[in-house]
Amino acid sequence: MKTRHILMFATAALAVAAIPLAMAQSAGQSGGQGQAQEGAAAQRHADAQAQSEADARAQRRAAAAQKPKAEREGKIGQREEEEEKKPQR
C-alpha cells in the first residue's frame, strides 16, 4: 500500500510540474507568431520610410537640377531684386 501511495504521489507531482511547462511552451509558440507579425510590420514600416526618404531625395535632386535653368531665365534673380526694391518699414 505504501508503494502504491508513493507512486500516485510521484505521478501527481510530475503532472503538476508539467502543467506550467506545457503552458510556457504553448505561450511561446503563439508569442513567436505575434513577434513574427510585429517584425514583419516593422519591416514594412522601415521599407515605407526608406522609400519616402528616397522620394524626397529625388525631388531635391530634381529641384537642384532645375535651379541653374531658372537662374539663367532670370526667375530666381528677379525675386531677389524685387525684395530689395521694397521700401523699408
PDB file of N, CA and C in Angstrom:
ATOM      1  N   MET A   1       0.812  -1.179   0.000  1.00  0.00           N
ATOM      2  CA  MET A   1       0.000   0.000   0.000  1.00  0.00           C
ATOM      3  C   MET A   1       0.865   1.257   0.000  1.00  0.00           C
ATOM      4  N   LYS A   2       1.927   1.225   0.751  1.00  0.00           N
ATOM      5  CA  LYS A   2       2.777   2.403   0.809  1.00  0.00           C
ATOM      6  C   LYS A   2       3.410   2.667  -0.551  1.00  0.00           C
ATOM      7  N   THR A   3       3.818   1.645  -1.239  1.00  0.00           N
ATOM      8  CA  THR A   3       4.428   1.805  -2.551  1.00  0.00           C
ATOM      9  C   THR A   3       3.430   2.401  -3.537  1.00  0.00           C
ATOM     10  N   ARG A   4       2.204   1.952  -3.445  1.00  0.00           N
ATOM     11  CA  ARG A   4       1.161   2.463  -4.337  1.00  0.00           C
ATOM     12  C   ARG A   4       0.935   3.947  -4.065  1.00  0.00           C
ATOM     13  N   HIS A   5       0.897   4.361  -2.813  1.00  0.00           N
ATOM     14  CA  HIS A   5       0.696   5.765  -2.470  1.00  0.00           C
ATOM     15  C   HIS A   5       1.883   6.617  -2.928  1.00  0.00           C
ATOM     16  N   ILE A   6       3.079   6.088  -2.795  1.00  0.00           N
ATOM     17  CA  ILE A   6       4.275   6.804  -3.227  1.00  0.00           C
ATOM     18  C   ILE A   6       4.254   7.000  -4.741  1.00  0.00           C
ATOM     19  N   LEU A   7       3.866   5.978  -5.491  1.00  0.00           N
ATOM     20  CA  LEU A   7       3.783   6.094  -6.952  1.00  0.00           C
ATOM     21  C   LEU A   7       2.714   7.093  -7.368  1.00  0.00           C
ATOM     22  N   MET A   8       1.569   7.084  -6.704  1.00  0.00           N
ATOM     23  CA  MET A   8       0.496   8.025  -7.034  1.00  0.00           C
ATOM     24  C   MET A   8       0.942   9.469  -6.711  1.00  0.00           C
ATOM     25  N   PHE A   9       1.619   9.642  -5.578  1.00  0.00           N
ATOM     26  CA  PHE A   9       2.110  10.965  -5.204  1.00  0.00           C
ATOM     27  C   PHE A   9       3.146  11.465  -6.214  1.00  0.00           C
ATOM     28  N   ALA A  10       4.043  10.580  -6.643  1.00  0.00           N
ATOM     29  CA  ALA A  10       5.066  10.963  -7.622  1.00  0.00           C
ATOM     30  C   ALA A  10       4.431  11.315  -8.958  1.00  0.00           C
ATOM     31  N   THR A  11       3.428  10.559  -9.370  1.00  0.00           N
ATOM     32  CA  THR A  11       2.735  10.834 -10.634  1.00  0.00           C
ATOM     33  C   THR A  11       2.021  12.178 -10.559  1.00  0.00           C
ATOM     34  N   ALA A  12       1.373  12.447  -9.450  1.00  0.00           N
ATOM     35  CA  ALA A  12       0.680  13.726  -9.289  1.00  0.00           C
ATOM     36  C   ALA A  12       1.679  14.888  -9.287  1.00  0.00           C
ATOM     37  N   ALA A  13       2.806  14.717  -8.644  1.00  0.00           N
ATOM     38  CA  ALA A  13       3.827  15.766  -8.608  1.00  0.00           C
ATOM     39  C   ALA A  13       4.373  16.043 -10.008  1.00  0.00           C
ATOM     40  N   LEU A  14       4.583  14.996 -10.789  1.00  0.00           N
ATOM     41  CA  LEU A  14       5.057  15.183 -12.170  1.00  0.00           C
ATOM     42  C   LEU A  14       4.013  15.894 -13.017  1.00  0.00           C
ATOM     43  N   ALA A  15       2.759  15.548 -12.808  1.00  0.00           N
ATOM     44  CA  ALA A  15       1.690  16.195 -13.571  1.00  0.00           C
ATOM     45  C   ALA A  15       1.607  17.675 -13.217  1.00  0.00           C
ATOM     46  N   VAL A  16       1.711  17.990 -11.942  1.00  0.00           N
ATOM     47  CA  VAL A  16       1.666  19.390 -11.515  1.00  0.00           C
ATOM     48  C   VAL A  16       2.869  20.151 -12.064  1.00  0.00           C
ATOM     49  N   ALA A  17       4.026  19.530 -12.099  1.00  0.00           N
ATOM     50  CA  ALA A  17       5.221  20.185 -12.624  1.00  0.00           C
ATOM     51  C   ALA A  17       5.160  20.341 -14.139  1.00  0.00           C
ATOM     52  N   ALA A  18       4.462  19.457 -14.824  1.00  0.00           N
ATOM     53  CA  ALA A  18       4.390  19.505 -16.287  1.00  0.00           C
ATOM     54  C   ALA A  18       3.420  20.572 -16.787  1.00  0.00           C
ATOM     55  N   ILE A  19       2.439  20.943 -15.976  1.00  0.00           N
ATOM     56  CA  ILE A  19       1.439  21.929 -16.417  1.00  0.00           C
ATOM     57  C   ILE A  19       2.079  23.282 -16.727  1.00  0.00           C
ATOM     58  N   PRO A  20       2.884  23.866 -15.848  1.00  0.00           N
ATOM     59  CA  PRO A  20       3.493  25.155 -16.194  1.00  0.00           C
ATOM     60  C   PRO A  20       4.427  25.070 -17.409  1.00  0.00           C
ATOM     61  N   LEU A  21       5.117  23.946 -17.545  1.00  0.00           N
ATOM     62  CA  LEU A  21       5.988  23.787 -18.713  1.00  0.00           C
ATOM     63  C   LEU A  21       5.179  23.761 -20.001  1.00  0.00           C
ATOM     64  N   ALA A  22       4.078  23.041 -19.996  1.00  0.00           N
ATOM     65  CA  ALA A  22       3.222  22.975 -21.185  1.00  0.00           C
ATOM     66  C   ALA A  22       2.620  24.346 -21.492  1.00  0.00           C
ATOM     67  N   MET A  23       2.220  25.076 -20.469  1.00  0.00           N
ATOM     68  CA  MET A  23       1.661  26.414 -20.677  1.00  0.00           C
ATOM     69  C   MET A  23       2.721  27.363 -21.234  1.00  0.00           C
ATOM     70  N   ALA A  24       3.935  27.257 -20.741  1.00  0.00           N
ATOM     71  CA  ALA A  24       5.011  28.122 -21.232  1.00  0.00           C
ATOM     72  C   ALA A  24       5.337  27.821 -22.690  1.00  0.00           C
ATOM     73  N   GLN A  25       5.322  26.549 -23.053  1.00  0.00           N
ATOM     74  CA  GLN A  25       5.598  26.183 -24.441  1.00  0.00           C
ATOM     75  C   GLN A  25       4.498  26.677 -25.367  1.00  0.00           C
ATOM     76  N   SER A  26       3.247  26.533 -24.974  1.00  0.00           N
ATOM     77  CA  SER A  26       2.152  26.986 -25.833  1.00  0.00           C
ATOM     78  C   SER A  26       2.140  28.506 -25.934  1.00  0.00           C
ATOM     79  N   ALA A  27       2.463  29.206 -24.858  1.00  0.00           N
ATOM     80  CA  ALA A  27       2.531  30.667 -24.905  1.00  0.00           C
ATOM     81  C   ALA A  27       3.705  31.114 -25.769  1.00  0.00           C
ATOM     82  N   GLY A  28       4.797  30.393 -25.703  1.00  0.00           N
ATOM     83  CA  GLY A  28       5.960  30.729 -26.514  1.00  0.00           C
ATOM     84  C   GLY A  28       5.696  30.539 -27.993  1.00  0.00           C
ATOM     85  N   GLN A  29       4.929  29.546 -28.353  1.00  0.00           N
ATOM     86  CA  GLN A  29       4.622  29.301 -29.760  1.00  0.00           C
ATOM     87  C   GLN A  29       3.711  30.384 -30.302  1.00  0.00           C
ATOM     88  N   SER A  30       2.659  30.736 -29.577  1.00  0.00           N
ATOM     89  CA  SER A  30       1.765  31.781 -30.066  1.00  0.00           C
ATOM     90  C   SER A  30       2.435  33.139 -29.986  1.00  0.00           C
ATOM     91  N   GLY A  31       3.273  33.356 -28.981  1.00  0.00           N
ATOM     92  CA  GLY A  31       4.002  34.615 -28.878  1.00  0.00           C
ATOM     93  C   GLY A  31       5.011  34.759 -29.996  1.00  0.00           C
ATOM     94  N   GLY A  32       5.580  33.668 -30.431  1.00  0.00           N
ATOM     95  CA  GLY A  32       6.525  33.703 -31.543  1.00  0.00           C
ATOM     96  C   GLY A  32       5.860  34.140 -32.829  1.00  0.00           C
ATOM     97  N   GLN A  33       4.632  33.713 -33.026  1.00  0.00           N
ATOM     98  CA  GLN A  33       3.903  34.131 -34.213  1.00  0.00           C
ATOM     99  C   GLN A  33       3.580  35.612 -34.137  1.00  0.00           C
ATOM    100  N   GLY A  34       3.227  36.084 -32.952  1.00  0.00           N
ATOM    101  CA  GLY A  34       2.954  37.510 -32.780  1.00  0.00           C
ATOM    102  C   GLY A  34       4.198  38.335 -33.006  1.00  0.00           C
ATOM    103  N   GLN A  35       5.330  37.840 -32.535  1.00  0.00           N
ATOM    104  CA  GLN A  35       6.584  38.563 -32.744  1.00  0.00           C
ATOM    105  C   GLN A  35       6.950  38.577 -34.217  1.00  0.00           C
ATOM    106  N   ALA A  36       6.658  37.486 -34.908  1.00  0.00           N
ATOM    107  CA  ALA A  36       6.955  37.452 -36.341  1.00  0.00           C
ATOM    108  C   ALA A  36       6.086  38.458 -37.083  1.00  0.00           C
ATOM    109  N   GLN A  37       4.836  38.562 -36.679  1.00  0.00           N
ATOM    110  CA  GLN A  37       3.944  39.534 -37.321  1.00  0.00           C
ATOM    111  C   GLN A  37       4.383  40.952 -37.003  1.00  0.00           C
ATOM    112  N   GLU A  38       4.798  41.195 -35.754  1.00  0.00           N
ATOM    113  CA  GLU A  38       5.289  42.522 -35.389  1.00  0.00           C
ATOM    114  C   GLU A  38       6.569  42.847 -36.141  1.00  0.00           C
ATOM    115  N   GLY A  39       7.417  41.849 -36.306  1.00  0.00           N
ATOM    116  CA  GLY A  39       8.654  42.059 -37.050  1.00  0.00           C
ATOM    117  C   GLY A  39       8.383  42.387 -38.505  1.00  0.00           C
ATOM    118  N   ALA A  40       7.396  41.704 -39.084  1.00  0.00           N
ATOM    119  CA  ALA A  40       7.035  41.976 -40.485  1.00  0.00           C
ATOM    120  C   ALA A  40       6.444  43.373 -40.615  1.00  0.00           C
ATOM    121  N   ALA A  41       5.631  43.775 -39.652  1.00  0.00           N
ATOM    122  CA  ALA A  41       5.047  45.115 -39.693  1.00  0.00           C
ATOM    123  C   ALA A  41       6.138  46.173 -39.547  1.00  0.00           C
ATOM    124  N   ALA A  42       7.091  45.912 -38.670  1.00  0.00           N
ATOM    125  CA  ALA A  42       8.197  46.852 -38.500  1.00  0.00           C
ATOM    126  C   ALA A  42       9.037  46.943 -39.769  1.00  0.00           C
ATOM    127  N   GLN A  43       9.225  45.822 -40.432  1.00  0.00           N
ATOM    128  CA  GLN A  43       9.994  45.819 -41.680  1.00  0.00           C
ATOM    129  C   GLN A  43       9.255  46.598 -42.769  1.00  0.00           C
ATOM    130  N   ARG A  44       7.929  46.421 -42.849  1.00  0.00           N
ATOM    131  CA  ARG A  44       7.148  47.175 -43.842  1.00  0.00           C
ATOM    132  C   ARG A  44       7.226  48.667 -43.558  1.00  0.00           C
ATOM    133  N   HIS A  45       7.169  49.033 -42.269  1.00  0.00           N
ATOM    134  CA  HIS A  45       7.260  50.447 -41.899  1.00  0.00           C
ATOM    135  C   HIS A  45       8.628  51.013 -42.271  1.00  0.00           C
ATOM    136  N   ALA A  46       9.669  50.254 -42.009  1.00  0.00           N
ATOM    137  CA  ALA A  46      11.020  50.702 -42.347  1.00  0.00           C
ATOM    138  C   ALA A  46      11.178  50.843 -43.859  1.00  0.00           C
ATOM    139  N   ASP A  47      10.601  49.910 -44.604  1.00  0.00           N
ATOM    140  CA  ASP A  47      10.674  49.987 -46.064  1.00  0.00           C
ATOM    141  C   ASP A  47       9.925  51.215 -46.582  1.00  0.00           C
ATOM    142  N   ALA A  48       8.755  51.482 -46.016  1.00  0.00           N
ATOM    143  CA  ALA A  48       7.978  52.643 -46.447  1.00  0.00           C
ATOM    144  C   ALA A  48       8.718  53.937 -46.114  1.00  0.00           C
ATOM    145  N   GLN A  49       9.337  53.990 -44.945  1.00  0.00           N
ATOM    146  CA  GLN A  49      10.093  55.179 -44.559  1.00  0.00           C
ATOM    147  C   GLN A  49      11.298  55.373 -45.483  1.00  0.00           C
ATOM    148  N   ALA A  50      11.988  54.289 -45.802  1.00  0.00           N
ATOM    149  CA  ALA A  50      13.134  54.390 -46.705  1.00  0.00           C
ATOM    150  C   ALA A  50      12.692  54.852 -48.086  1.00  0.00           C
ATOM    151  N   GLN A  51      11.536  54.363 -48.528  1.00  0.00           N
ATOM    152  CA  GLN A  51      11.025  54.762 -49.842  1.00  0.00           C
ATOM    153  C   GLN A  51      10.666  56.244 -49.844  1.00  0.00           C
ATOM    154  N   SER A  52      10.026  56.729 -48.780  1.00  0.00           N
ATOM    155  CA  SER A  52       9.661  58.147 -48.735  1.00  0.00           C
ATOM    156  C   SER A  52      10.910  59.030 -48.673  1.00  0.00           C
ATOM    157  N   GLU A  53      11.929  58.576 -47.952  1.00  0.00           N
ATOM    158  CA  GLU A  53      13.181  59.337 -47.912  1.00  0.00           C
ATOM    159  C   GLU A  53      13.839  59.361 -49.284  1.00  0.00           C
ATOM    160  N   ALA A  54      13.790  58.254 -49.994  1.00  0.00           N
ATOM    161  CA  ALA A  54      14.362  58.204 -51.335  1.00  0.00           C
ATOM    162  C   ALA A  54      13.595  59.127 -52.281  1.00  0.00           C
ATOM    163  N   ASP A  55      12.266  59.165 -52.140  1.00  0.00           N
ATOM    164  CA  ASP A  55      11.465  60.066 -52.967  1.00  0.00           C
ATOM    165  C   ASP A  55      11.802  61.523 -52.677  1.00  0.00           C
ATOM    166  N   ALA A  56      11.978  61.844 -51.393  1.00  0.00           N
ATOM    167  CA  ALA A  56      12.319  63.220 -51.023  1.00  0.00           C
ATOM    168  C   ALA A  56      13.676  63.611 -51.594  1.00  0.00           C
ATOM    169  N   ARG A  57      14.643  62.688 -51.521  1.00  0.00           N
ATOM    170  CA  ARG A  57      15.965  62.969 -52.099  1.00  0.00           C
ATOM    171  C   ARG A  57      15.869  63.178 -53.605  1.00  0.00           C
ATOM    172  N   ALA A  58      15.071  62.367 -54.270  1.00  0.00           N
ATOM    173  CA  ALA A  58      14.914  62.505 -55.719  1.00  0.00           C
ATOM    174  C   ALA A  58      14.283  63.850 -56.068  1.00  0.00           C
ATOM    175  N   GLN A  59      13.317  64.292 -55.270  1.00  0.00           N
ATOM    176  CA  GLN A  59      12.694  65.589 -55.526  1.00  0.00           C
ATOM    177  C   GLN A  59      13.689  66.730 -55.310  1.00  0.00           C
ATOM    178  N   ARG A  60      14.497  66.613 -54.259  1.00  0.00           N
ATOM    179  CA  ARG A  60      15.510  67.655 -54.028  1.00  0.00           C
ATOM    180  C   ARG A  60      16.515  67.701 -55.165  1.00  0.00           C
ATOM    181  N   ARG A  61      16.918  66.528 -55.655  1.00  0.00           N
ATOM    182  CA  ARG A  61      17.874  66.500 -56.771  1.00  0.00           C
ATOM    183  C   ARG A  61      17.265  67.093 -58.025  1.00  0.00           C
ATOM    184  N   ALA A  62      15.988  66.795 -58.271  1.00  0.00           N
ATOM    185  CA  ALA A  62      15.322  67.354 -59.448  1.00  0.00           C
ATOM    186  C   ALA A  62      15.214  68.872 -59.325  1.00  0.00           C
ATOM    187  N   ALA A  63      14.904  69.362 -58.130  1.00  0.00           N
ATOM    188  CA  ALA A  63      14.818  70.804 -57.917  1.00  0.00           C
ATOM    189  C   ALA A  63      16.189  71.452 -58.079  1.00  0.00           C
ATOM    190  N   ALA A  64      17.224  70.789 -57.596  1.00  0.00           N
ATOM    191  CA  ALA A  64      18.574  71.322 -57.737  1.00  0.00           C
ATOM    192  C   ALA A  64      19.000  71.343 -59.205  1.00  0.00           C
ATOM    193  N   ALA A  65      18.552  70.371 -59.966  1.00  0.00           N
ATOM    194  CA  ALA A  65      18.884  70.351 -61.388  1.00  0.00           C
ATOM    195  C   ALA A  65      18.165  71.464 -62.138  1.00  0.00           C
ATOM    196  N   GLN A  66      16.994  71.862 -61.681  1.00  0.00           N
ATOM    197  CA  GLN A  66      16.225  72.915 -62.339  1.00  0.00           C
ATOM    198  C   GLN A  66      16.682  74.311 -61.919  1.00  0.00           C
ATOM    199  N   LYS A  67      17.401  74.435 -60.824  1.00  0.00           N
ATOM    200  CA  LYS A  67      17.805  75.740 -60.317  1.00  0.00           C
ATOM    201  C   LYS A  67      18.699  76.514 -61.295  1.00  0.00           C
ATOM    202  N   PRO A  68      19.732  75.905 -61.899  1.00  0.00           N
ATOM    203  CA  PRO A  68      20.538  76.670 -62.862  1.00  0.00           C
ATOM    204  C   PRO A  68      19.719  77.171 -64.045  1.00  0.00           C
ATOM    205  N   LYS A  69      18.763  76.390 -64.496  1.00  0.00           N
ATOM    206  CA  LYS A  69      17.911  76.805 -65.616  1.00  0.00           C
ATOM    207  C   LYS A  69      17.068  78.007 -65.209  1.00  0.00           C
ATOM    208  N   ALA A  70      16.537  77.999 -64.007  1.00  0.00           N
ATOM    209  CA  ALA A  70      15.731  79.117 -63.526  1.00  0.00           C
ATOM    210  C   ALA A  70      16.588  80.364 -63.350  1.00  0.00           C
ATOM    211  N   GLU A  71      17.823  80.194 -62.923  1.00  0.00           N
ATOM    212  CA  GLU A  71      18.710  81.345 -62.766  1.00  0.00           C
ATOM    213  C   GLU A  71      19.034  81.957 -64.128  1.00  0.00           C
ATOM    214  N   ARG A  72      19.232  81.105 -65.134  1.00  0.00           N
ATOM    215  CA  ARG A  72      19.522  81.616 -66.483  1.00  0.00           C
ATOM    216  C   ARG A  72      18.332  82.374 -67.040  1.00  0.00           C
ATOM    217  N   GLU A  73      17.157  81.899 -66.749  1.00  0.00           N
ATOM    218  CA  GLU A  73      15.959  82.561 -67.266  1.00  0.00           C
ATOM    219  C   GLU A  73      15.606  83.797 -66.455  1.00  0.00           C
ATOM    220  N   GLY A  74      16.258  83.976 -65.334  1.00  0.00           N
ATOM    221  CA  GLY A  74      16.043  85.171 -64.541  1.00  0.00           C
ATOM    222  C   GLY A  74      14.897  85.069 -63.552  1.00  0.00           C
ATOM    223  N   LYS A  75      14.339  83.902 -63.359  1.00  0.00           N
ATOM    224  CA  LYS A  75      13.200  83.778 -62.448  1.00  0.00           C
ATOM    225  C   LYS A  75      13.623  83.936 -60.991  1.00  0.00           C
ATOM    226  N   ILE A  76      14.740  83.391 -60.623  1.00  0.00           N
ATOM    227  CA  ILE A  76      15.176  83.464 -59.236  1.00  0.00           C
ATOM    228  C   ILE A  76      15.763  84.833 -58.936  1.00  0.00           C
ATOM    229  N   GLY A  77      16.568  85.378 -59.840  1.00  0.00           N
ATOM    230  CA  GLY A  77      17.201  86.674 -59.626  1.00  0.00           C
ATOM    231  C   GLY A  77      16.196  87.808 -59.521  1.00  0.00           C
ATOM    232  N   GLN A  78      15.107  87.755 -60.276  1.00  0.00           N
ATOM    233  CA  GLN A  78      14.105  88.820 -60.248  1.00  0.00           C
ATOM    234  C   GLN A  78      13.442  88.900 -58.875  1.00  0.00           C
ATOM    235  N   ARG A  79      13.182  87.812 -58.281  1.00  0.00           N
ATOM    236  CA  ARG A  79      12.532  87.819 -56.974  1.00  0.00           C
ATOM    237  C   ARG A  79      13.439  88.496 -55.941  1.00  0.00           C
ATOM    238  N   GLU A  80      14.716  88.215 -56.004  1.00  0.00           N
ATOM    239  CA  GLU A  80      15.640  88.827 -55.052  1.00  0.00           C
ATOM    240  C   GLU A  80      15.699  90.334 -55.264  1.00  0.00           C
ATOM    241  N   GLU A  81      15.681  90.785 -56.508  1.00  0.00           N
ATOM    242  CA  GLU A  81      15.730  92.214 -56.790  1.00  0.00           C
ATOM    243  C   GLU A  81      14.453  92.899 -56.340  1.00  0.00           C
ATOM    244  N   GLU A  82      13.297  92.237 -56.535  1.00  0.00           N
ATOM    245  CA  GLU A  82      12.032  92.815 -56.109  1.00  0.00           C
ATOM    246  C   GLU A  82      12.010  92.999 -54.598  1.00  0.00           C
ATOM    247  N   GLU A  83      12.557  92.059 -53.880  1.00  0.00           N
ATOM    248  CA  GLU A  83      12.581  92.173 -52.432  1.00  0.00           C
ATOM    249  C   GLU A  83      13.467  93.340 -51.997  1.00  0.00           C
ATOM    250  N   GLU A  84      14.538  93.592 -52.724  1.00  0.00           N
ATOM    251  CA  GLU A  84      15.421  94.694 -52.369  1.00  0.00           C
ATOM    252  C   GLU A  84      14.779  96.044 -52.673  1.00  0.00           C
ATOM    253  N   LYS A  85      13.924  96.111 -53.684  1.00  0.00           N
ATOM    254  CA  LYS A  85      13.303  97.390 -54.082  1.00  0.00           C
ATOM    255  C   LYS A  85      12.182  97.813 -53.143  1.00  0.00           C
ATOM    256  N   LYS A  86      11.629  96.909 -52.365  1.00  0.00           N
ATOM    257  CA  LYS A  86      10.531  97.259 -51.467  1.00  0.00           C
ATOM    258  C   LYS A  86      11.036  98.228 -50.413  1.00  0.00           C
ATOM    259  N   PRO A  87      10.243  99.228 -50.085  1.00  0.00           N
ATOM    260  CA  PRO A  87      10.692 100.202 -49.073  1.00  0.00           C
ATOM    261  C   PRO A  87      10.761  99.559 -47.691  1.00  0.00           C
ATOM    262  N   GLN A  88      11.730 100.030 -46.934  1.00  0.00           N
ATOM    263  CA  GLN A  88      11.921  99.530 -45.584  1.00  0.00           C
ATOM    264  C   GLN A  88      10.886 100.172 -44.663  1.00  0.00           C
ATOM    265  N   ARG A  89      10.343  99.443 -43.739  1.00  0.00           N
ATOM    266  CA  ARG A  89       9.353  99.997 -42.820  1.00  0.00           C
ATOM    267  C   ARG A  89       9.912 100.056 -41.434  1.00  0.00           C
TER     268      ARG A  89
END
